[in-house]
Amino acid sequence: MSTSMGVASVFVLSSLLLSPLAMAEESQAFVAHNAERSVVLEQARQALAAQPGQASKAAEQTASKVSASDAADS
């Protein structure tokens, strides 16, 4: 009997603690924040697409730095 009461109390407490997170998806602030993040992400993608040469060069430099640091460690 006490086990079932313990399980029920854990369920009730967890639902009370997690209910604000469920409601956050419906709030206007949450929607506005997600819209702003998607705009920033799209701008970053466009900037990256506009400069493909620099992006690959940066990736190559990062890869060479990792290789050099691995060689220095051994």
C-alpha atoms as a PDB file:
ATOM      1  CA  MET A   1       0.000   0.000   0.000  1.00  0.00           C
ATOM      2  CA  SER A   2       2.772   2.436   0.878  1.00  0.00           C
ATOM      3  CA  THR A   3       4.554   1.585  -2.383  1.00  0.00           C
ATOM      4  CA  SER A   4       1.549   2.540  -4.472  1.00  0.00           C
ATOM      5  CA  MET A   5       1.141   5.767  -2.469  1.00  0.00           C
ATOM      6  CA  GLY A   6       4.817   6.544  -3.081  1.00  0.00           C
ATOM      7  CA  VAL A   7       4.477   5.935  -6.814  1.00  0.00           C
ATOM      8  CA  ALA A   8       1.331   8.075  -6.953  1.00  0.00           C
ATOM      9  CA  SER A   9       2.992  10.913  -5.043  1.00  0.00           C
ATOM     10  CA  VAL A  10       6.025  10.835  -7.356  1.00  0.00           C
ATOM     11  CA  PHE A  11       3.709  10.991 -10.361  1.00  0.00           C
ATOM     12  CA  VAL A  12       1.758  13.945  -8.935  1.00  0.00           C
ATOM     13  CA  LEU A  13       4.887  15.859  -7.948  1.00  0.00           C
ATOM     14  CA  SER A  14       6.567  15.297 -11.304  1.00  0.00           C
ATOM     15  CA  SER A  15       3.475  16.423 -13.188  1.00  0.00           C
ATOM     16  CA  LEU A  16       3.280  19.582 -11.078  1.00  0.00           C
ATOM     17  CA  LEU A  17       6.954  20.344 -11.624  1.00  0.00           C
ATOM     18  CA  LEU A  18       6.884  19.682 -15.383  1.00  0.00           C
ATOM     19  CA  SER A  19       3.618  21.425 -16.214  1.00  0.00           C
ATOM     20  CA  PRO A  20       5.254  24.861 -16.771  1.00  0.00           C
ATOM     21  CA  LEU A  21       7.479  23.286 -19.411  1.00  0.00           C
ATOM     22  CA  ALA A  22       4.472  21.897 -21.238  1.00  0.00           C
ATOM     23  CA  MET A  23       2.768  25.283 -21.178  1.00  0.00           C
ATOM     24  CA  ALA A  24       5.909  27.059 -22.417  1.00  0.00           C
ATOM     25  CA  GLU A  25       5.386  25.687 -25.918  1.00  0.00           C
ATOM     26  CA  GLU A  26       2.091  27.558 -26.134  1.00  0.00           C
ATOM     27  CA  SER A  27       3.248  30.903 -24.761  1.00  0.00           C
ATOM     28  CA  GLN A  28       3.774  33.889 -27.055  1.00  0.00           C
ATOM     29  CA  ALA A  29       7.245  34.506 -25.633  1.00  0.00           C
ATOM     30  CA  PHE A  30       8.290  30.954 -26.530  1.00  0.00           C
ATOM     31  CA  VAL A  31       6.949  31.308 -30.065  1.00  0.00           C
ATOM     32  CA  ALA A  32       8.648  34.697 -30.529  1.00  0.00           C
ATOM     33  CA  HIS A  33      11.947  33.362 -29.209  1.00  0.00           C
ATOM     34  CA  ASN A  34      11.844  30.386 -31.581  1.00  0.00           C
ATOM     35  CA  ALA A  35      11.019  32.651 -34.526  1.00  0.00           C
ATOM     36  CA  GLU A  36      13.985  34.890 -33.688  1.00  0.00           C
ATOM     37  CA  ARG A  37      16.298  31.897 -33.431  1.00  0.00           C
ATOM     38  CA  SER A  38      15.163  30.564 -36.792  1.00  0.00           C
ATOM     39  CA  VAL A  39      15.796  33.958 -38.443  1.00  0.00           C
ATOM     40  CA  VAL A  40      19.314  34.086 -37.001  1.00  0.00           C
ATOM     41  CA  LEU A  41      19.966  30.513 -38.122  1.00  0.00           C
ATOM     42  CA  GLU A  42      18.766  31.275 -41.642  1.00  0.00           C
ATOM     43  CA  GLN A  43      20.987  34.378 -41.820  1.00  0.00           C
ATOM     44  CA  ALA A  44      23.979  32.320 -40.689  1.00  0.00           C
ATOM     45  CA  ARG A  45      23.245  29.698 -43.339  1.00  0.00           C
ATOM     46  CA  GLN A  46      23.002  32.353 -46.044  1.00  0.00           C
ATOM     47  CA  ALA A  47      26.263  33.953 -44.925  1.00  0.00           C
ATOM     48  CA  LEU A  48      27.961  30.571 -44.963  1.00  0.00           C
ATOM     49  CA  ALA A  49      26.589  29.766 -48.407  1.00  0.00           C
ATOM     50  CA  ALA A  50      27.767  33.137 -49.731  1.00  0.00           C
ATOM     51  CA  GLN A  51      31.363  32.394 -48.726  1.00  0.00           C
ATOM     52  CA  PRO A  52      32.010  28.729 -49.552  1.00  0.00           C
ATOM     53  CA  GLY A  53      35.730  29.211 -50.176  1.00  0.00           C
ATOM     54  CA  GLN A  54      36.388  30.672 -46.756  1.00  0.00           C
ATOM     55  CA  ALA A  55      34.332  28.015 -45.002  1.00  0.00           C
ATOM     56  CA  SER A  56      36.306  25.153 -46.538  1.00  0.00           C
ATOM     57  CA  LYS A  57      39.569  26.970 -45.839  1.00  0.00           C
ATOM     58  CA  ALA A  58      38.599  27.388 -42.181  1.00  0.00           C
ATOM     59  CA  ALA A  59      37.718  23.692 -41.963  1.00  0.00           C
ATOM     60  CA  GLU A  60      41.078  22.753 -43.476  1.00  0.00           C
ATOM     61  CA  GLN A  61      42.911  25.014 -41.031  1.00  0.00           C
ATOM     62  CA  THR A  62      41.048  23.477 -38.113  1.00  0.00           C
ATOM     63  CA  ALA A  63      41.828  19.971 -39.351  1.00  0.00           C
ATOM     64  CA  SER A  64      45.515  20.821 -39.763  1.00  0.00           C
ATOM     65  CA  LYS A  65      45.642  22.312 -36.253  1.00  0.00           C
ATOM     66  CA  VAL A  66      44.130  19.123 -34.828  1.00  0.00           C
ATOM     67  CA  SER A  67      46.619  16.990 -36.759  1.00  0.00           C
ATOM     68  CA  ALA A  68      49.509  19.136 -35.582  1.00  0.00           C
ATOM     69  CA  SER A  69      48.422  18.988 -31.955  1.00  0.00           C
ATOM     70  CA  ASP A  70      47.984  15.200 -32.191  1.00  0.00           C
ATOM     71  CA  ALA A  71      51.490  14.884 -33.613  1.00  0.00           C
ATOM     72  CA  ALA A  72      52.895  17.083 -30.853  1.00  0.00           C
ATOM     73  CA  ASP A  73      51.223  14.955 -28.183  1.00  0.00           C
ATOM     74  CA  SER A  74      52.817  11.722 -29.392  1.00  0.00           C
END
